[in-house]
Amino acid sequence: MSEITTVGLDLAKNVFQVHGADARGGVVFRKKLRRAAVLEFFGKLPPCLVAMEACGGAHFWGRELTRLGHDVRLIPPAYVKP
C-alpha cells in the first residue's frame, strides 16, 4: 500500500466521503464514513495533508483533525471538484 500524503474530506450531515492519495496523485483509498467514525479513522492515519471545502462545519473538523496531528487546509467552494 502506498504512503498516504493527501486526504480529501467531503463534509456532510451524516455520511462523509474520504479520498486518500499518494505523492504521485494515485488513489490509495475511497471510503464512506459515518460522523461517529471520522475521528477514529483519522486517528489511525499517519499525519498528512487534509483538504476540505470551507463550509459551516469545516472549522470544527479542522480543529479536531489538527489535534490529531494532521495539516488541515480549507479550500473555497469554487475550487472543489464535483
C-alpha atoms as a PDB file:
ATOM      1  CA  MET A   1       0.000   0.000   0.000  1.00  0.00           C
ATOM      2  CA  SER A   2       1.345   3.442  -0.935  1.00  0.00           C
ATOM      3  CA  GLU A   3       2.027   6.055   1.702  1.00  0.00           C
ATOM      4  CA  ILE A   4      -0.876   8.484   2.051  1.00  0.00           C
ATOM      5  CA  THR A   5       0.161  12.121   1.674  1.00  0.00           C
ATOM      6  CA  THR A   6      -3.129  13.891   0.924  1.00  0.00           C
ATOM      7  CA  VAL A   7      -6.680  13.209   2.036  1.00  0.00           C
ATOM      8  CA  GLY A   8      -9.762  14.927   0.645  1.00  0.00           C
ATOM      9  CA  LEU A   9     -12.697  15.096   3.025  1.00  0.00           C
ATOM     10  CA  ASP A  10     -16.204  15.904   1.798  1.00  0.00           C
ATOM     11  CA  LEU A  11     -18.271  17.018   4.767  1.00  0.00           C
ATOM     12  CA  ALA A  12     -21.958  16.222   5.089  1.00  0.00           C
ATOM     13  CA  LYS A  13     -24.526  15.783   7.833  1.00  0.00           C
ATOM     14  CA  ASN A  14     -24.203  12.045   8.422  1.00  0.00           C
ATOM     15  CA  VAL A  15     -22.036  10.294   5.810  1.00  0.00           C
ATOM     16  CA  PHE A  16     -18.651  11.788   4.861  1.00  0.00           C
ATOM     17  CA  GLN A  17     -16.676  10.846   1.747  1.00  0.00           C
ATOM     18  CA  VAL A  18     -12.921  10.385   2.191  1.00  0.00           C
ATOM     19  CA  HIS A  19     -10.398  10.126  -0.653  1.00  0.00           C
ATOM     20  CA  GLY A  20      -6.733   9.306   0.028  1.00  0.00           C
ATOM     21  CA  ALA A  21      -3.929   9.928  -2.463  1.00  0.00           C
ATOM     22  CA  ASP A  22      -0.196   9.233  -2.534  1.00  0.00           C
ATOM     23  CA  ALA A  23       2.591  11.655  -3.524  1.00  0.00           C
ATOM     24  CA  ARG A  24       2.054  10.963  -7.244  1.00  0.00           C
ATOM     25  CA  GLY A  25      -1.684  11.640  -7.018  1.00  0.00           C
ATOM     26  CA  GLY A  26      -2.700   7.997  -7.278  1.00  0.00           C
ATOM     27  CA  VAL A  27      -5.770   6.803  -5.421  1.00  0.00           C
ATOM     28  CA  VAL A  28      -4.938   4.875  -2.260  1.00  0.00           C
ATOM     29  CA  PHE A  29      -8.452   4.575  -0.857  1.00  0.00           C
ATOM     30  CA  ARG A  30     -12.015   5.875  -1.125  1.00  0.00           C
ATOM     31  CA  LYS A  31     -14.350   5.434   1.818  1.00  0.00           C
ATOM     32  CA  LYS A  32     -17.698   6.454   3.202  1.00  0.00           C
ATOM     33  CA  LEU A  33     -17.596   7.259   6.904  1.00  0.00           C
ATOM     34  CA  ARG A  34     -20.350   7.942   9.374  1.00  0.00           C
ATOM     35  CA  ARG A  35     -19.914  11.043  11.533  1.00  0.00           C
ATOM     36  CA  ALA A  36     -19.052   8.982  14.622  1.00  0.00           C
ATOM     37  CA  ALA A  37     -16.248   7.114  12.814  1.00  0.00           C
ATOM     38  CA  VAL A  38     -14.375  10.108  11.352  1.00  0.00           C
ATOM     39  CA  LEU A  39     -12.084  10.875  14.308  1.00  0.00           C
ATOM     40  CA  GLU A  40     -11.332   7.197  14.889  1.00  0.00           C
ATOM     41  CA  PHE A  41     -10.382   6.762  11.207  1.00  0.00           C
ATOM     42  CA  PHE A  42      -8.131   9.836  11.103  1.00  0.00           C
ATOM     43  CA  GLY A  43      -6.553   8.867  14.418  1.00  0.00           C
ATOM     44  CA  LYS A  44      -5.193   5.720  12.763  1.00  0.00           C
ATOM     45  CA  LEU A  45      -3.728   7.581   9.752  1.00  0.00           C
ATOM     46  CA  PRO A  46      -0.197   8.961   9.804  1.00  0.00           C
ATOM     47  CA  PRO A  47      -0.075  12.790   9.808  1.00  0.00           C
ATOM     48  CA  CYS A  48      -0.926  14.081   6.334  1.00  0.00           C
ATOM     49  CA  LEU A  49      -2.471  16.997   4.465  1.00  0.00           C
ATOM     50  CA  VAL A  50      -6.264  17.064   4.759  1.00  0.00           C
ATOM     51  CA  ALA A  51      -8.191  19.271   2.323  1.00  0.00           C
ATOM     52  CA  MET A  52     -11.851  20.099   2.782  1.00  0.00           C
ATOM     53  CA  GLU A  53     -14.351  22.600   1.442  1.00  0.00           C
ATOM     54  CA  ALA A  54     -14.782  25.675   3.632  1.00  0.00           C
ATOM     55  CA  CYS A  55     -18.315  25.459   4.993  1.00  0.00           C
ATOM     56  CA  GLY A  56     -20.151  25.842   8.284  1.00  0.00           C
ATOM     57  CA  GLY A  57     -18.736  22.731   9.964  1.00  0.00           C
ATOM     58  CA  ALA A  58     -15.282  22.805   8.382  1.00  0.00           C
ATOM     59  CA  HIS A  59     -13.676  24.851  11.159  1.00  0.00           C
ATOM     60  CA  PHE A  60     -14.834  22.391  13.805  1.00  0.00           C
ATOM     61  CA  TRP A  61     -13.496  19.401  11.879  1.00  0.00           C
ATOM     62  CA  GLY A  62     -10.309  21.299  11.073  1.00  0.00           C
ATOM     63  CA  ARG A  63      -9.610  21.879  14.778  1.00  0.00           C
ATOM     64  CA  GLU A  64     -10.327  18.246  15.620  1.00  0.00           C
ATOM     65  CA  LEU A  65      -8.071  16.888  12.852  1.00  0.00           C
ATOM     66  CA  THR A  66      -5.298  19.341  13.765  1.00  0.00           C
ATOM     67  CA  ARG A  67      -5.358  17.935  17.304  1.00  0.00           C
ATOM     68  CA  LEU A  68      -4.656  14.526  15.766  1.00  0.00           C
ATOM     69  CA  GLY A  69      -1.531  15.901  14.021  1.00  0.00           C
ATOM     70  CA  HIS A  70      -2.860  16.470  10.513  1.00  0.00           C
ATOM     71  CA  ASP A  71      -2.234  19.594   8.413  1.00  0.00           C
ATOM     72  CA  VAL A  72      -5.699  20.898   7.507  1.00  0.00           C
ATOM     73  CA  ARG A  73      -6.395  23.200   4.549  1.00  0.00           C
ATOM     74  CA  LEU A  74      -9.770  24.734   3.823  1.00  0.00           C
ATOM     75  CA  ILE A  75     -10.402  25.458   0.165  1.00  0.00           C
ATOM     76  CA  PRO A  76     -13.038  27.781  -1.343  1.00  0.00           C
ATOM     77  CA  PRO A  77     -16.159  26.054  -2.680  1.00  0.00           C
ATOM     78  CA  ALA A  78     -15.413  27.376  -6.183  1.00  0.00           C
ATOM     79  CA  TYR A  79     -12.270  25.179  -6.333  1.00  0.00           C
ATOM     80  CA  VAL A  80     -13.915  21.960  -5.168  1.00  0.00           C
ATOM     81  CA  LYS A  81     -14.267  19.428  -7.950  1.00  0.00           C
ATOM     82  CA  PRO A  82     -17.765  17.875  -8.008  1.00  0.00           C
END
